[in-house]
N, C-alpha and C. Protein backbone atom coordinates (compact mmCIF):
# COMPACT_ATOMS: atom_id res chain seq x y z
N MET A 1 192.72 107.85 209.30
CA MET A 1 192.36 106.45 209.17
C MET A 1 193.65 105.63 209.16
N PRO A 2 193.72 104.52 210.06
CA PRO A 2 195.04 103.75 210.15
C PRO A 2 195.29 103.16 208.76
N ASP A 3 196.41 102.75 208.45
CA ASP A 3 196.85 102.13 207.35
C ASP A 3 196.65 100.66 207.24
N VAL A 4 196.60 100.10 208.57
CA VAL A 4 196.36 98.69 208.78
C VAL A 4 195.84 98.50 210.17
N THR A 5 194.97 97.50 210.28
CA THR A 5 194.42 97.26 211.74
C THR A 5 194.66 95.86 212.11
N VAL A 6 195.11 95.71 213.35
CA VAL A 6 195.39 94.43 213.89
C VAL A 6 194.05 94.03 214.66
N VAL A 7 193.54 92.81 214.21
CA VAL A 7 192.29 92.26 214.91
C VAL A 7 192.73 91.02 215.69
N LEU A 8 192.50 91.11 217.10
CA LEU A 8 192.94 90.19 218.03
C LEU A 8 191.79 89.27 218.37
N VAL A 9 191.90 87.96 218.18
CA VAL A 9 190.86 87.08 218.50
C VAL A 9 191.42 85.96 219.49
N HIS A 10 190.73 86.21 220.66
CA HIS A 10 191.07 85.21 221.78
C HIS A 10 190.55 83.80 221.49
N GLY A 11 190.98 82.83 222.30
CA GLY A 11 190.61 81.44 222.14
C GLY A 11 189.81 80.99 223.27
N ALA A 12 189.65 79.65 223.41
CA ALA A 12 188.92 79.12 224.50
C ALA A 12 189.56 79.32 225.87
N PHE A 13 188.64 79.56 226.87
CA PHE A 13 188.99 79.82 228.18
C PHE A 13 189.72 81.08 228.42
N ALA A 14 189.66 82.02 227.55
CA ALA A 14 190.16 83.32 227.69
C ALA A 14 189.11 84.39 227.36
N GLU A 15 189.46 85.61 227.30
CA GLU A 15 188.50 86.70 226.90
C GLU A 15 189.28 87.90 226.42
N SER A 16 188.60 88.89 225.95
CA SER A 16 189.37 89.97 225.15
C SER A 16 190.41 90.63 225.93
N ALA A 17 190.20 90.80 227.32
CA ALA A 17 191.14 91.50 228.08
C ALA A 17 192.48 90.84 228.20
N SER A 18 192.57 89.52 227.83
CA SER A 18 193.86 88.84 227.74
C SER A 18 194.90 89.43 226.75
N TRP A 19 194.33 90.29 225.91
CA TRP A 19 195.27 91.04 224.92
C TRP A 19 195.70 92.35 225.46
N ASN A 20 195.27 92.74 226.68
CA ASN A 20 195.58 94.10 227.13
C ASN A 20 197.07 94.44 227.01
N GLY A 21 197.91 93.67 227.46
CA GLY A 21 199.31 93.93 227.39
C GLY A 21 199.82 94.12 226.03
N VAL A 22 199.41 93.35 225.06
CA VAL A 22 199.79 93.41 223.76
C VAL A 22 199.32 94.62 223.04
N ILE A 23 197.95 95.01 223.33
CA ILE A 23 197.40 96.19 222.88
C ILE A 23 198.20 97.50 223.22
N GLU A 24 198.71 97.54 224.56
CA GLU A 24 199.46 98.61 225.02
C GLU A 24 200.68 98.78 224.18
N ARG A 25 201.30 97.72 223.90
CA ARG A 25 202.58 97.71 223.01
C ARG A 25 202.35 98.19 221.54
N LEU A 26 201.22 97.63 221.02
CA LEU A 26 200.94 98.14 219.61
C LEU A 26 200.52 99.56 219.65
N ALA A 27 199.80 100.08 220.68
CA ALA A 27 199.46 101.52 220.65
C ALA A 27 200.77 102.38 220.76
N ALA A 28 201.69 101.87 221.53
CA ALA A 28 202.98 102.56 221.61
C ALA A 28 203.76 102.65 220.33
N ALA A 29 203.48 101.72 219.49
CA ALA A 29 204.14 101.65 218.14
C ALA A 29 203.20 102.22 217.07
N ASP A 30 202.09 102.96 217.58
CA ASP A 30 201.18 103.69 216.69
C ASP A 30 200.49 102.71 215.69
N VAL A 31 200.18 101.55 216.24
CA VAL A 31 199.39 100.54 215.46
C VAL A 31 198.01 100.33 215.95
N ALA A 32 197.01 100.48 215.11
CA ALA A 32 195.62 100.32 215.53
C ALA A 32 195.22 98.91 215.80
N ALA A 33 194.51 98.64 216.85
CA ALA A 33 194.05 97.23 217.25
C ALA A 33 192.67 97.26 217.55
N VAL A 34 191.99 96.13 217.28
CA VAL A 34 190.61 95.83 217.71
C VAL A 34 190.54 94.46 218.26
N THR A 35 189.88 94.28 219.37
CA THR A 35 189.64 92.88 219.89
C THR A 35 188.28 92.37 219.51
N VAL A 36 188.23 91.12 219.35
CA VAL A 36 186.91 90.51 219.03
C VAL A 36 186.54 89.58 220.22
N ALA A 37 185.27 89.77 220.66
CA ALA A 37 184.73 88.93 221.63
C ALA A 37 184.25 87.56 221.00
N ASN A 38 185.20 86.66 220.91
CA ASN A 38 184.98 85.37 220.19
C ASN A 38 183.83 84.66 220.87
N PRO A 39 182.77 84.28 220.19
CA PRO A 39 181.60 83.60 220.77
C PRO A 39 181.98 82.20 221.34
N LEU A 40 182.86 81.65 220.72
CA LEU A 40 183.29 80.20 221.17
C LEU A 40 182.09 79.18 221.12
N ARG A 41 181.35 79.40 220.10
CA ARG A 41 180.16 78.53 219.94
C ARG A 41 180.39 77.49 218.72
N GLY A 42 181.18 77.81 217.84
CA GLY A 42 181.40 76.94 216.61
C GLY A 42 182.30 77.63 215.66
N VAL A 43 183.14 76.86 214.91
CA VAL A 43 184.15 77.37 214.03
C VAL A 43 183.36 78.34 212.95
N ALA A 44 182.46 77.82 212.25
CA ALA A 44 181.81 78.57 211.18
C ALA A 44 181.07 79.84 211.74
N THR A 45 180.26 79.76 212.81
CA THR A 45 179.70 80.96 213.33
C THR A 45 180.63 81.86 213.92
N ASP A 46 181.66 81.51 214.62
CA ASP A 46 182.62 82.35 215.16
C ASP A 46 183.43 83.05 214.02
N ALA A 47 183.76 82.39 213.05
CA ALA A 47 184.45 83.02 211.88
C ALA A 47 183.59 84.00 211.18
N ALA A 48 182.33 83.75 211.01
CA ALA A 48 181.48 84.66 210.44
C ALA A 48 181.45 85.95 211.20
N TYR A 49 181.49 85.88 212.48
CA TYR A 49 181.47 87.11 213.35
C TYR A 49 182.72 87.93 213.15
N VAL A 50 183.84 87.23 213.22
CA VAL A 50 185.12 87.81 212.91
C VAL A 50 185.19 88.51 211.57
N ARG A 51 184.59 87.74 210.66
CA ARG A 51 184.46 88.36 209.20
C ARG A 51 183.62 89.70 209.17
N ASP A 52 182.65 89.74 209.96
CA ASP A 52 181.79 90.95 210.12
C ASP A 52 182.59 92.08 210.72
N VAL A 53 183.39 91.77 211.70
CA VAL A 53 184.22 92.81 212.31
C VAL A 53 185.22 93.36 211.31
N VAL A 54 185.83 92.45 210.53
CA VAL A 54 186.91 92.80 209.57
C VAL A 54 186.23 93.67 208.56
N ALA A 55 185.06 93.41 207.98
CA ALA A 55 184.37 94.08 206.99
C ALA A 55 183.94 95.47 207.45
N SER A 56 183.78 95.71 208.70
CA SER A 56 183.43 97.03 209.28
C SER A 56 184.60 98.02 209.30
N LEU A 57 185.83 97.63 209.18
CA LEU A 57 187.00 98.36 209.46
C LEU A 57 187.42 99.25 208.28
N ASP A 58 187.19 98.77 207.08
CA ASP A 58 187.57 99.60 205.83
C ASP A 58 189.11 99.85 205.83
N THR A 59 189.93 98.96 206.35
CA THR A 59 191.34 98.99 206.26
C THR A 59 191.85 97.59 205.96
N PRO A 60 193.21 97.51 205.46
CA PRO A 60 193.78 96.15 205.45
C PRO A 60 193.92 95.63 206.86
N VAL A 61 193.88 94.34 207.08
CA VAL A 61 193.70 93.74 208.40
C VAL A 61 194.86 92.66 208.54
N ILE A 62 195.42 92.54 209.73
CA ILE A 62 196.12 91.43 210.06
C ILE A 62 195.33 90.75 211.18
N LEU A 63 195.08 89.48 210.94
CA LEU A 63 194.32 88.67 211.91
C LEU A 63 195.25 88.02 212.83
N VAL A 64 194.99 87.99 214.14
CA VAL A 64 195.91 87.43 215.13
C VAL A 64 194.99 86.55 215.97
N GLY A 65 195.34 85.20 216.11
CA GLY A 65 194.53 84.35 216.93
C GLY A 65 195.28 83.67 217.96
N HIS A 66 194.72 83.50 219.12
CA HIS A 66 195.34 82.75 220.19
C HIS A 66 194.61 81.37 220.39
N SER A 67 195.32 80.33 220.32
CA SER A 67 194.71 78.98 220.71
C SER A 67 193.71 78.63 219.74
N TYR A 68 192.46 78.31 220.14
CA TYR A 68 191.40 78.07 219.25
C TYR A 68 191.03 79.24 218.37
N GLY A 69 191.43 80.41 218.66
CA GLY A 69 191.27 81.58 217.78
C GLY A 69 192.03 81.42 216.52
N GLY A 70 193.12 80.55 216.42
CA GLY A 70 193.79 80.23 215.19
C GLY A 70 192.89 79.52 214.28
N GLN A 71 192.11 78.62 214.78
CA GLN A 71 191.09 77.87 213.95
C GLN A 71 190.09 78.87 213.28
N VAL A 72 189.74 79.80 214.15
CA VAL A 72 188.68 80.84 213.75
C VAL A 72 189.31 81.79 212.68
N ILE A 73 190.44 82.32 212.94
CA ILE A 73 191.03 83.18 211.94
C ILE A 73 191.36 82.56 210.63
N THR A 74 191.77 81.32 210.64
CA THR A 74 192.00 80.61 209.44
C THR A 74 190.72 80.47 208.53
N GLN A 75 189.58 80.13 209.24
CA GLN A 75 188.34 80.04 208.57
C GLN A 75 187.82 81.48 208.03
N ALA A 76 187.99 82.43 208.90
CA ALA A 76 187.50 83.67 208.62
C ALA A 76 188.19 84.37 207.50
N ALA A 77 189.51 84.17 207.37
CA ALA A 77 190.36 84.75 206.27
C ALA A 77 189.95 84.24 205.00
N ALA A 78 189.37 83.14 204.89
CA ALA A 78 189.14 82.58 203.58
C ALA A 78 188.15 83.42 202.82
N ASP A 79 187.36 84.20 203.42
CA ASP A 79 186.28 85.02 202.69
C ASP A 79 186.31 86.33 203.12
N ALA A 80 187.56 86.79 203.42
CA ALA A 80 187.71 88.26 203.88
C ALA A 80 188.92 88.76 203.21
N PRO A 81 188.65 89.58 201.98
CA PRO A 81 189.79 89.97 201.19
C PRO A 81 190.65 91.04 201.82
N ALA A 82 190.12 91.71 202.86
CA ALA A 82 190.85 92.79 203.60
C ALA A 82 192.02 92.16 204.39
N VAL A 83 192.00 90.80 204.69
CA VAL A 83 193.06 90.18 205.54
C VAL A 83 194.37 90.05 204.68
N ARG A 84 195.38 90.54 205.16
CA ARG A 84 196.63 90.50 204.44
C ARG A 84 197.76 89.61 205.18
N ALA A 85 197.48 89.25 206.31
CA ALA A 85 198.42 88.37 207.07
C ALA A 85 197.78 87.79 208.25
N LEU A 86 198.44 86.68 208.76
CA LEU A 86 197.95 85.89 209.90
C LEU A 86 199.06 85.82 210.84
N VAL A 87 198.78 85.91 212.21
CA VAL A 87 199.64 85.56 213.25
C VAL A 87 199.03 84.63 214.22
N PHE A 88 199.71 83.60 214.39
CA PHE A 88 199.25 82.45 215.32
C PHE A 88 200.09 82.56 216.65
N VAL A 89 199.24 82.77 217.70
CA VAL A 89 199.95 82.91 219.00
C VAL A 89 199.51 81.69 219.89
N ALA A 90 200.41 80.65 220.04
CA ALA A 90 200.11 79.42 220.69
C ALA A 90 198.79 78.88 220.15
N ALA A 91 198.61 78.93 218.79
CA ALA A 91 197.31 78.72 218.07
C ALA A 91 197.29 77.60 217.11
N PHE A 92 196.14 77.07 216.84
CA PHE A 92 195.90 76.06 215.83
C PHE A 92 196.03 76.76 214.46
N ALA A 93 196.61 76.03 213.52
CA ALA A 93 196.60 76.49 212.10
C ALA A 93 196.24 75.27 211.35
N PRO A 94 194.92 75.02 211.19
CA PRO A 94 194.48 73.74 210.63
C PRO A 94 194.53 73.75 209.06
N GLU A 95 194.58 72.51 208.62
CA GLU A 95 194.32 72.15 207.25
C GLU A 95 192.86 71.82 207.15
N ILE A 96 192.34 71.86 205.84
CA ILE A 96 190.98 71.55 205.56
C ILE A 96 190.62 70.19 206.17
N GLY A 97 189.56 70.09 206.96
CA GLY A 97 189.10 68.85 207.55
C GLY A 97 189.65 68.64 209.03
N GLU A 98 190.65 69.43 209.42
CA GLU A 98 191.20 69.17 210.75
C GLU A 98 190.40 69.94 211.88
N THR A 99 190.35 69.41 212.98
CA THR A 99 189.70 70.00 214.23
C THR A 99 190.71 70.36 215.22
N ALA A 100 190.30 71.21 216.12
CA ALA A 100 191.25 71.62 217.18
C ALA A 100 191.57 70.39 217.96
N LEU A 101 190.56 69.64 218.26
CA LEU A 101 190.73 68.35 219.24
C LEU A 101 191.78 67.43 218.60
N VAL A 102 191.60 67.17 217.26
CA VAL A 102 192.49 66.28 216.62
C VAL A 102 193.94 66.81 216.69
N LEU A 103 194.12 68.13 216.33
CA LEU A 103 195.47 68.77 216.41
C LEU A 103 196.08 68.69 217.69
N SER A 104 195.23 68.98 218.79
CA SER A 104 195.90 69.13 220.13
C SER A 104 196.41 67.71 220.62
N ASN A 105 195.77 66.66 220.03
CA ASN A 105 196.22 65.24 220.40
C ASN A 105 197.18 64.61 219.42
N ARG A 106 197.52 65.41 218.33
CA ARG A 106 198.40 64.73 217.39
C ARG A 106 199.75 64.40 218.00
N PHE A 107 200.17 65.17 218.94
CA PHE A 107 201.49 64.94 219.68
C PHE A 107 201.15 64.75 221.15
N VAL A 108 202.00 64.11 221.87
CA VAL A 108 201.74 63.83 223.20
C VAL A 108 202.14 65.09 224.05
N GLY A 109 201.56 65.26 225.13
CA GLY A 109 201.87 66.38 226.07
C GLY A 109 200.79 67.17 226.60
N SER A 110 199.61 67.16 225.94
CA SER A 110 198.55 68.04 226.51
C SER A 110 197.85 67.40 227.72
N THR A 111 197.73 68.18 228.75
CA THR A 111 196.97 67.78 229.96
C THR A 111 195.70 68.39 230.10
N LEU A 112 195.30 69.06 229.12
CA LEU A 112 193.91 69.86 229.16
C LEU A 112 192.81 68.97 229.52
N GLY A 113 192.75 67.66 228.98
CA GLY A 113 191.53 66.74 229.26
C GLY A 113 191.31 66.65 230.78
N ASP A 114 192.44 66.50 231.62
CA ASP A 114 192.29 66.15 232.99
C ASP A 114 191.85 67.52 233.70
N ALA A 115 191.94 68.60 233.13
CA ALA A 115 191.61 69.90 233.79
C ALA A 115 190.24 70.48 233.43
N VAL A 116 189.61 69.88 232.43
CA VAL A 116 188.43 70.49 231.94
C VAL A 116 187.10 69.93 232.79
N VAL A 117 186.16 70.78 232.94
CA VAL A 117 184.86 70.36 233.51
C VAL A 117 183.78 70.82 232.49
N ALA A 118 182.68 69.97 232.40
CA ALA A 118 181.63 70.23 231.43
C ALA A 118 180.38 70.50 232.14
N ARG A 119 179.51 71.19 231.37
CA ARG A 119 178.18 71.53 231.83
C ARG A 119 177.20 71.39 230.66
N PRO A 120 176.04 70.70 230.87
CA PRO A 120 175.14 70.55 229.75
C PRO A 120 174.50 71.80 229.37
N LEU A 121 174.23 71.98 228.04
CA LEU A 121 173.50 73.15 227.54
C LEU A 121 172.06 72.78 227.30
N THR A 122 171.20 73.73 227.53
CA THR A 122 169.70 73.54 227.38
C THR A 122 169.33 73.08 225.88
N GLY A 123 170.08 73.68 224.93
CA GLY A 123 169.96 73.45 223.53
C GLY A 123 170.58 72.14 223.07
N GLY A 124 171.28 71.42 223.87
CA GLY A 124 171.98 70.23 223.59
C GLY A 124 173.53 70.41 223.60
N GLY A 125 174.27 69.40 223.83
CA GLY A 125 175.60 69.41 223.82
C GLY A 125 176.18 69.82 225.19
N LEU A 126 177.59 70.06 225.20
CA LEU A 126 178.23 70.46 226.44
C LEU A 126 179.06 71.70 226.27
N GLU A 127 179.29 72.49 227.24
CA GLU A 127 180.08 73.53 227.32
C GLU A 127 181.31 73.19 228.25
N LEU A 128 182.50 73.58 227.89
CA LEU A 128 183.68 73.23 228.60
C LEU A 128 184.39 74.45 229.17
N SER A 129 184.99 74.20 230.47
CA SER A 129 185.78 75.27 231.04
C SER A 129 186.83 74.55 231.80
N ILE A 130 187.82 75.25 232.16
CA ILE A 130 188.90 74.67 233.04
C ILE A 130 188.64 74.89 234.52
N SER A 131 188.75 73.84 235.28
CA SER A 131 188.61 73.90 236.81
C SER A 131 189.35 75.15 237.30
N PRO A 132 188.66 76.03 237.94
CA PRO A 132 189.45 77.18 238.54
C PRO A 132 190.60 76.74 239.29
N ALA A 133 190.59 75.69 240.03
CA ALA A 133 191.70 75.24 240.94
C ALA A 133 192.86 74.82 240.11
N LYS A 134 192.62 74.31 238.82
CA LYS A 134 193.66 73.80 237.97
C LYS A 134 194.06 74.87 236.92
N PHE A 135 193.30 75.89 236.79
CA PHE A 135 193.49 76.85 235.76
C PHE A 135 194.88 77.43 235.73
N PRO A 136 195.41 78.00 236.85
CA PRO A 136 196.73 78.67 236.79
C PRO A 136 197.87 77.77 236.27
N HIS A 137 197.85 76.56 236.78
CA HIS A 137 198.92 75.63 236.34
C HIS A 137 198.77 75.17 234.95
N GLN A 138 197.53 74.88 234.56
CA GLN A 138 197.18 74.39 233.10
C GLN A 138 197.35 75.36 232.11
N PHE A 139 196.77 76.62 232.39
CA PHE A 139 196.66 77.57 231.24
C PHE A 139 197.61 78.71 231.33
N ALA A 140 198.06 79.06 232.50
CA ALA A 140 198.81 80.34 232.72
C ALA A 140 199.92 80.16 233.76
N ALA A 141 200.68 79.11 233.61
CA ALA A 141 201.72 78.70 234.59
C ALA A 141 202.81 79.85 234.77
N ASP A 142 203.20 80.51 233.69
CA ASP A 142 204.21 81.53 233.74
C ASP A 142 203.59 82.91 233.86
N ALA A 143 202.35 83.03 234.14
CA ALA A 143 201.71 84.46 234.42
C ALA A 143 201.85 84.77 235.83
N ASP A 144 201.58 86.02 236.14
CA ASP A 144 201.53 86.42 237.61
C ASP A 144 200.46 85.68 238.22
N PRO A 145 200.74 85.10 239.45
CA PRO A 145 199.76 84.14 240.09
C PRO A 145 198.42 84.94 240.37
N GLY A 146 198.40 86.13 240.80
CA GLY A 146 197.21 86.83 240.97
C GLY A 146 196.42 87.03 239.73
N GLN A 147 197.16 87.40 238.66
CA GLN A 147 196.49 87.54 237.34
C GLN A 147 195.88 86.28 236.91
N ALA A 148 196.62 85.18 237.10
CA ALA A 148 196.19 83.83 236.69
C ALA A 148 194.89 83.46 237.44
N ALA A 149 194.82 83.76 238.69
CA ALA A 149 193.59 83.47 239.48
C ALA A 149 192.38 84.20 238.95
N LEU A 150 192.59 85.50 238.60
CA LEU A 150 191.51 86.33 237.99
C LEU A 150 191.08 85.79 236.65
N MET A 151 192.03 85.26 235.83
CA MET A 151 191.74 84.73 234.51
C MET A 151 190.89 83.44 234.79
N ALA A 152 191.15 82.68 235.77
CA ALA A 152 190.34 81.49 236.00
C ALA A 152 188.94 81.82 236.29
N ILE A 153 188.69 82.90 236.90
CA ILE A 153 187.22 83.24 237.20
C ILE A 153 186.62 83.94 235.94
N THR A 154 187.39 84.72 235.09
CA THR A 154 186.69 85.40 234.00
C THR A 154 186.78 84.67 232.67
N GLN A 155 187.32 83.38 232.76
CA GLN A 155 187.50 82.63 231.54
C GLN A 155 186.01 82.43 230.93
N ARG A 156 186.14 82.33 229.58
CA ARG A 156 184.89 82.08 228.83
C ARG A 156 184.90 80.63 228.27
N PRO A 157 183.91 79.79 228.63
CA PRO A 157 183.77 78.47 228.17
C PRO A 157 183.60 78.36 226.62
N ILE A 158 183.88 77.16 226.15
CA ILE A 158 183.77 76.85 224.75
C ILE A 158 182.84 75.63 224.65
N THR A 159 182.09 75.54 223.53
CA THR A 159 181.23 74.37 223.33
C THR A 159 182.19 73.19 222.89
N GLU A 160 181.80 72.03 223.26
CA GLU A 160 182.54 70.84 222.85
C GLU A 160 182.41 70.71 221.39
N ALA A 161 181.28 71.10 220.77
CA ALA A 161 181.12 71.04 219.29
C ALA A 161 182.08 71.89 218.60
N ALA A 162 182.51 73.03 219.12
CA ALA A 162 183.44 73.90 218.55
C ALA A 162 184.85 73.21 218.36
N LEU A 163 185.18 72.51 219.35
CA LEU A 163 186.53 71.82 219.32
C LEU A 163 186.50 70.69 218.37
N ASN A 164 185.30 70.16 218.00
CA ASN A 164 185.21 69.03 217.10
C ASN A 164 184.79 69.45 215.74
N GLU A 165 184.66 70.87 215.52
CA GLU A 165 184.28 71.32 214.16
C GLU A 165 185.42 71.52 213.22
N ALA A 166 185.47 70.95 212.02
CA ALA A 166 186.51 71.00 211.13
C ALA A 166 186.59 72.29 210.25
N LEU A 167 187.77 72.67 209.89
CA LEU A 167 188.03 73.78 209.04
C LEU A 167 187.42 73.29 207.58
N THR A 168 186.67 74.27 207.04
CA THR A 168 185.96 73.97 205.69
C THR A 168 186.57 74.85 204.54
N GLY A 169 186.37 74.59 203.37
CA GLY A 169 186.74 75.44 202.31
C GLY A 169 187.67 74.76 201.28
N ASP A 170 188.15 75.41 200.30
CA ASP A 170 189.11 74.90 199.24
C ASP A 170 190.47 74.68 199.70
N GLU A 171 190.93 75.66 200.56
CA GLU A 171 192.35 75.59 201.04
C GLU A 171 192.44 76.54 202.28
N PRO A 172 193.28 76.21 203.21
CA PRO A 172 193.44 76.99 204.34
C PRO A 172 194.03 78.38 204.04
N ALA A 173 193.70 79.39 204.69
CA ALA A 173 194.11 80.74 204.42
C ALA A 173 195.64 80.93 204.37
N TRP A 174 196.32 80.02 205.31
CA TRP A 174 197.79 80.27 205.42
C TRP A 174 198.49 79.79 204.19
N ARG A 175 197.80 79.19 203.23
CA ARG A 175 198.52 78.74 202.01
C ARG A 175 198.73 79.99 201.09
N ARG A 176 197.89 80.97 201.24
CA ARG A 176 198.06 82.15 200.30
C ARG A 176 198.48 83.39 201.08
N LEU A 177 198.39 83.41 202.35
CA LEU A 177 198.75 84.62 203.16
C LEU A 177 200.01 84.41 203.90
N PRO A 178 200.85 85.42 204.13
CA PRO A 178 201.96 85.24 204.94
C PRO A 178 201.60 85.03 206.42
N SER A 179 202.35 84.29 207.11
CA SER A 179 201.92 83.97 208.49
C SER A 179 203.16 83.98 209.41
N TRP A 180 202.89 84.22 210.65
CA TRP A 180 203.84 84.31 211.68
C TRP A 180 203.41 83.44 212.93
N PHE A 181 204.46 82.74 213.58
CA PHE A 181 203.99 81.81 214.64
C PHE A 181 204.87 82.02 215.89
N ILE A 182 204.23 82.00 216.96
CA ILE A 182 204.98 82.21 218.29
C ILE A 182 204.19 81.29 219.33
N TRP A 183 204.97 80.61 220.15
CA TRP A 183 204.41 79.71 221.18
C TRP A 183 205.36 79.53 222.19
N GLY A 184 204.94 78.81 223.35
CA GLY A 184 205.80 78.61 224.43
C GLY A 184 206.25 77.17 224.53
N SER A 185 207.43 76.88 225.03
CA SER A 185 207.92 75.48 225.05
C SER A 185 207.22 74.63 226.14
N GLU A 186 206.62 75.39 227.03
CA GLU A 186 205.87 74.54 228.17
C GLU A 186 204.43 74.74 228.14
N ASP A 187 203.90 74.77 226.88
CA ASP A 187 202.45 74.87 226.73
C ASP A 187 201.79 73.50 227.15
N ARG A 188 200.87 73.62 228.04
CA ARG A 188 200.18 72.41 228.54
C ARG A 188 198.80 72.14 227.82
N ASN A 189 198.37 73.09 227.08
CA ASN A 189 197.07 72.86 226.26
C ASN A 189 197.31 72.32 224.96
N ILE A 190 198.30 72.95 224.23
CA ILE A 190 198.69 72.42 222.92
C ILE A 190 200.12 72.12 222.86
N PRO A 191 200.54 70.99 222.78
CA PRO A 191 201.97 70.58 222.84
C PRO A 191 202.86 71.51 221.90
N ALA A 192 204.03 71.86 222.41
CA ALA A 192 204.90 72.65 221.58
C ALA A 192 205.24 72.05 220.30
N ALA A 193 205.44 70.66 220.39
CA ALA A 193 205.68 69.93 219.13
C ALA A 193 204.68 70.10 218.04
N ALA A 194 203.31 70.21 218.57
CA ALA A 194 202.32 70.44 217.66
C ALA A 194 202.24 71.87 217.10
N LEU A 195 202.51 72.74 217.88
CA LEU A 195 202.59 74.17 217.44
C LEU A 195 203.80 74.35 216.48
N ARG A 196 204.85 73.77 216.62
CA ARG A 196 206.07 73.85 215.75
C ARG A 196 205.78 73.19 214.50
N TRP A 197 205.16 72.06 214.51
CA TRP A 197 204.79 71.33 213.30
C TRP A 197 203.80 72.11 212.40
N MET A 198 202.80 72.73 213.03
CA MET A 198 201.94 73.53 212.29
C MET A 198 202.52 74.80 211.66
N GLY A 199 203.41 75.37 212.38
CA GLY A 199 204.11 76.56 211.80
C GLY A 199 204.97 76.14 210.58
N GLU A 200 205.70 75.12 210.76
CA GLU A 200 206.57 74.64 209.68
C GLU A 200 205.69 74.17 208.45
N ARG A 201 204.56 73.50 208.71
CA ARG A 201 203.75 73.15 207.63
C ARG A 201 203.20 74.29 206.78
N ALA A 202 202.89 75.38 207.63
CA ALA A 202 202.40 76.60 206.96
C ALA A 202 203.38 77.48 206.37
N GLY A 203 204.72 77.17 206.50
CA GLY A 203 205.74 77.99 205.96
C GLY A 203 205.75 79.30 206.60
N GLY A 204 205.59 79.42 207.88
CA GLY A 204 205.58 80.66 208.49
C GLY A 204 206.86 81.45 208.33
N LYS A 205 206.65 82.79 208.18
CA LYS A 205 207.84 83.74 208.05
C LYS A 205 208.73 83.69 209.19
N GLU A 206 208.16 83.60 210.42
CA GLU A 206 209.02 83.50 211.67
C GLU A 206 208.34 82.33 212.45
N LEU A 207 209.11 81.57 212.96
CA LEU A 207 208.68 80.50 214.10
C LEU A 207 209.49 80.75 215.29
N ILE A 208 208.69 81.29 216.21
CA ILE A 208 209.40 81.72 217.59
C ILE A 208 208.89 80.90 218.72
N GLU A 209 209.81 80.17 219.37
CA GLU A 209 209.42 79.40 220.59
C GLU A 209 210.03 80.14 221.79
N ILE A 210 209.21 80.40 222.79
CA ILE A 210 209.65 81.14 223.97
C ILE A 210 209.87 80.08 225.03
N SER A 211 211.17 79.94 225.46
CA SER A 211 211.56 78.94 226.45
C SER A 211 210.89 79.12 227.73
N GLY A 212 210.26 78.16 228.28
CA GLY A 212 209.61 78.17 229.63
C GLY A 212 208.26 78.75 229.62
N ALA A 213 207.71 79.29 228.56
CA ALA A 213 206.42 79.92 228.47
C ALA A 213 205.27 78.90 228.41
N GLY A 214 204.19 79.26 228.96
CA GLY A 214 202.97 78.39 228.82
C GLY A 214 202.08 78.83 227.78
N HIS A 215 200.69 78.45 227.98
CA HIS A 215 199.82 78.70 226.96
C HIS A 215 199.22 80.13 226.79
N ALA A 216 199.21 80.79 227.95
CA ALA A 216 198.58 82.17 228.04
C ALA A 216 199.61 83.16 227.56
N LEU A 217 200.17 83.10 226.42
CA LEU A 217 201.27 83.93 225.89
C LEU A 217 201.01 85.32 225.81
N PRO A 218 199.70 85.79 225.40
CA PRO A 218 199.43 87.19 225.27
C PRO A 218 199.43 87.86 226.63
N VAL A 219 199.13 87.08 227.72
CA VAL A 219 199.27 87.71 229.09
C VAL A 219 200.65 87.63 229.70
N SER A 220 201.30 86.49 229.58
CA SER A 220 202.61 86.29 230.18
C SER A 220 203.82 86.90 229.40
N GLN A 221 203.65 86.90 228.07
CA GLN A 221 204.70 87.27 227.21
C GLN A 221 204.36 88.36 226.26
N PRO A 222 203.78 89.52 226.68
CA PRO A 222 203.27 90.50 225.62
C PRO A 222 204.30 91.07 224.84
N ASP A 223 205.56 91.27 225.32
CA ASP A 223 206.59 91.83 224.52
C ASP A 223 206.91 91.05 223.21
N PRO A 224 207.27 89.73 223.39
CA PRO A 224 207.57 89.02 222.20
C PRO A 224 206.33 88.79 221.28
N VAL A 225 205.11 88.75 221.86
CA VAL A 225 203.90 88.52 221.07
C VAL A 225 203.71 89.88 220.27
N ALA A 226 203.80 90.98 220.91
CA ALA A 226 203.65 92.27 220.17
C ALA A 226 204.73 92.39 219.15
N ASP A 227 205.94 92.01 219.38
CA ASP A 227 207.05 92.12 218.43
C ASP A 227 206.81 91.29 217.19
N THR A 228 206.15 90.15 217.44
CA THR A 228 205.89 89.25 216.30
C THR A 228 204.85 89.84 215.38
N ILE A 229 203.69 90.49 216.10
CA ILE A 229 202.71 91.17 215.33
C ILE A 229 203.27 92.31 214.47
N LEU A 230 204.20 93.07 215.14
CA LEU A 230 204.77 94.18 214.47
C LEU A 230 205.57 93.85 213.26
N GLN A 231 206.15 92.63 213.26
CA GLN A 231 206.89 92.12 212.14
C GLN A 231 205.80 91.95 210.99
N ALA A 232 204.68 91.43 211.29
CA ALA A 232 203.56 91.31 210.27
C ALA A 232 203.11 92.67 209.77
N VAL A 233 202.96 93.57 210.61
CA VAL A 233 202.60 94.96 210.39
C VAL A 233 203.61 95.54 209.32
N ALA A 234 204.82 95.42 209.60
CA ALA A 234 205.94 95.93 208.72
C ALA A 234 205.83 95.36 207.35
N ALA A 235 205.53 94.00 207.32
CA ALA A 235 205.55 93.33 205.98
C ALA A 235 204.30 93.83 205.19
N VAL A 236 203.18 94.05 205.94
CA VAL A 236 201.97 94.41 205.22
C VAL A 236 202.15 95.89 204.72
N ARG A 237 202.79 96.74 205.56
CA ARG A 237 202.94 98.12 205.11
C ARG A 237 203.92 98.29 204.04
N ALA A 238 204.83 97.37 203.92
CA ALA A 238 205.89 97.28 202.83
C ALA A 238 205.21 96.93 201.53
């Protein structure tokens, strides 16, 4: 049985395979990893699902979230005693009452609004995705162009309600758990200034900005992402 398991949670407009390069590097370092198919329906329900995955593992866990996945892991860790550390990969690290939409607009620079298309849901509300034509430039500008084109087709939409749902609880999990942050300087979804500010506010153990990198960091920059996760693994093992 592994001594620690890394649980990888993708965000909006991505899917579990976006972690493939990171998983390969963790496996090479003999670190167990599990990916979560994030439902992207709402913060509370998505976090409950992640919590169920964590509870099934019977090992200490490091939660890793990309983008909106940061909102989810922060909520999930509040009621998951097995979680020992958090890693935010170009991800939201909200305070109680904050939403992904509010945080993404706290600093200027996001162009996501102009790239998003909406479809109505039978049960009410809207589901959002990125226009396939705009996806490579918006989401994965520093990724291989062919890979970015495939990602545009396989992207998973998120409900508008999820982006407007606030973190709940007594305190955010990053106040009591060690955290690591990594992001790209050219992120067009969440401005780098916002990602840096959230990392500083959380008192992250490491705050790493990759020059020239965009939002799809697990795909375009798997080496530094994996290295950051391995720092958390080493800290938990110690």
